Amino acid sequence: MAINKNHEFEDLDSIKCAIVEKNVSSERVAFLKDLLKFNKYEVVVVASAVAKVELSEEAVTTTPASTFTVGVTDLSFNAINAIFGRLLHTPDGHIVTLSYWQQKETISDDSVPYFDHK
């Protein structure tokens, strides 16, 4: 059981995983998967739960999920600790910043502290 909302665990494909992010697009999955694999984490990706839509009291239809859940097998992983603890690195050798993690910047500028970003 998670201590707080920032450190969740789930079984993804029958593998106990620390949840990195839920309900993410396929583009975001590709970004996170590449970044985490570069940092030597084993990444597990599964489709999010199927959304249910009620049409009437008797009929219930489902639509396929277009979002995914991303997890890593290292149960000590916590995305917030990894980012602010400066534990993750980009392929070009920089430390992952919050803006880079959120994909607001394409190049991680770790020379400027996160609290000075405008």
Protein backbone atom coordinates (compact mmCIF):
# COMPACT_ATOMS: atom_id res chain seq x y z
CA MET A 1 0.00 0.00 0.00
CA ALA A 2 1.26 3.47 -0.84
CA ILE A 3 2.31 5.85 1.89
CA ASN A 4 0.96 8.74 -0.16
CA LYS A 5 -0.42 9.44 -3.63
CA ASN A 6 3.09 10.04 -5.01
CA HIS A 7 4.36 6.51 -4.39
CA GLU A 8 1.86 4.01 -5.74
CA PHE A 9 2.29 0.32 -6.54
CA GLU A 10 0.29 -1.97 -8.81
CA ASP A 11 0.56 -5.31 -10.53
CA LEU A 12 1.13 -4.62 -14.23
CA ASP A 13 1.08 -7.78 -16.35
CA SER A 14 1.45 -9.80 -13.11
CA ILE A 15 4.62 -7.87 -12.17
CA LYS A 16 4.70 -5.74 -9.03
CA CYS A 17 5.64 -2.21 -10.19
CA ALA A 18 6.08 1.28 -8.83
CA ILE A 19 3.76 3.49 -10.87
CA VAL A 20 5.50 6.25 -12.80
CA GLU A 21 2.40 7.77 -14.44
CA LYS A 22 -1.15 6.74 -15.25
CA ASN A 23 -3.42 7.61 -18.17
CA VAL A 24 -0.67 8.81 -20.49
CA SER A 25 -0.68 9.00 -24.29
CA SER A 26 1.40 6.76 -26.51
CA GLU A 27 3.78 9.68 -27.23
CA ARG A 28 4.35 10.19 -23.50
CA VAL A 29 4.89 6.44 -23.07
CA ALA A 30 7.62 6.52 -25.72
CA PHE A 31 9.35 9.48 -23.99
CA LEU A 32 9.20 7.93 -20.50
CA LYS A 33 10.17 4.46 -21.69
CA ASP A 34 13.27 5.76 -23.50
CA LEU A 35 14.32 7.97 -20.58
CA LEU A 36 13.79 5.31 -17.91
CA LYS A 37 15.47 2.55 -19.92
CA PHE A 38 18.47 4.84 -20.45
CA ASN A 39 18.62 5.18 -16.63
CA LYS A 40 18.64 1.38 -16.33
CA TYR A 41 15.05 0.83 -15.12
CA GLU A 42 12.96 -2.07 -16.35
CA VAL A 43 9.80 -0.44 -17.71
CA VAL A 44 6.36 -2.09 -17.85
CA VAL A 45 3.57 -0.50 -19.90
CA VAL A 46 -0.05 -1.66 -19.95
CA ALA A 47 -3.21 -0.21 -21.42
CA SER A 48 -5.30 1.70 -18.90
CA ALA A 49 -8.55 0.22 -17.68
CA VAL A 50 -11.35 0.16 -20.23
CA ALA A 51 -13.74 3.08 -19.91
CA LYS A 52 -17.40 2.17 -19.39
CA VAL A 53 -20.22 4.21 -20.87
CA GLU A 54 -23.84 3.62 -19.84
CA LEU A 55 -26.38 4.05 -22.60
CA SER A 56 -29.40 2.89 -20.64
CA GLU A 57 -30.15 0.98 -17.46
CA GLU A 58 -29.84 -2.39 -19.24
CA ALA A 59 -27.04 -1.78 -21.75
CA VAL A 60 -23.47 -1.03 -20.86
CA THR A 61 -20.90 -0.57 -23.59
CA THR A 62 -17.16 -0.26 -23.36
CA THR A 63 -14.70 1.71 -25.43
CA PRO A 64 -11.06 0.71 -25.89
CA ALA A 65 -8.57 2.62 -23.81
CA SER A 66 -6.21 4.93 -25.64
CA THR A 67 -4.15 5.69 -22.56
CA PHE A 68 -1.52 3.69 -20.75
CA THR A 69 -0.06 3.09 -17.31
CA VAL A 70 3.73 3.20 -17.01
CA GLY A 71 5.56 1.45 -14.19
CA VAL A 72 9.05 0.28 -13.27
CA THR A 73 10.01 -2.93 -11.52
CA ASP A 74 12.22 -1.08 -9.01
CA LEU A 75 9.75 -0.60 -6.15
CA SER A 76 11.91 2.09 -4.56
CA PHE A 77 11.41 4.36 -7.60
CA ASN A 78 9.51 7.58 -6.98
CA ALA A 79 9.35 10.09 -9.84
CA ILE A 80 9.35 13.15 -7.56
CA ASN A 81 12.36 11.94 -5.59
CA ALA A 82 14.16 11.00 -8.80
CA ILE A 83 13.63 14.42 -10.39
CA PHE A 84 14.32 16.67 -7.40
CA GLY A 85 17.02 14.34 -6.09
CA ARG A 86 18.76 14.75 -9.48
CA LEU A 87 18.98 10.98 -9.96
CA LEU A 88 17.93 10.78 -13.62
CA HIS A 89 20.09 11.73 -16.59
CA THR A 90 19.34 12.49 -20.23
CA PRO A 91 21.15 10.64 -23.01
CA ASP A 92 23.22 13.77 -23.68
CA GLY A 93 24.60 13.76 -20.12
CA HIS A 94 22.44 16.41 -18.43
CA ILE A 95 20.43 15.93 -15.26
CA VAL A 96 16.68 15.63 -15.85
CA THR A 97 14.86 18.79 -14.78
CA LEU A 98 11.17 19.13 -13.98
CA SER A 99 10.55 21.02 -17.23
CA TYR A 100 12.27 18.28 -19.22
CA TRP A 101 10.30 15.56 -17.39
CA GLN A 102 7.05 17.41 -18.16
CA GLN A 103 8.21 17.79 -21.78
CA LYS A 104 8.02 21.58 -21.63
CA GLU A 105 11.65 21.74 -22.79
CA THR A 106 13.41 19.51 -25.30
CA ILE A 107 16.85 20.06 -23.73
CA SER A 108 17.40 19.71 -20.00
CA ASP A 109 19.05 22.90 -18.68
CA ASP A 110 20.24 21.79 -15.26
CA SER A 111 22.33 24.94 -14.71
CA VAL A 112 19.21 26.94 -13.70
CA PRO A 113 17.48 25.80 -10.46
CA TYR A 114 13.84 24.74 -10.92
CA PHE A 115 12.62 27.54 -8.65
CA ASP A 116 14.23 30.17 -10.93
CA HIS A 117 12.43 28.94 -14.08
CA LYS A 118 9.92 31.42 -15.40
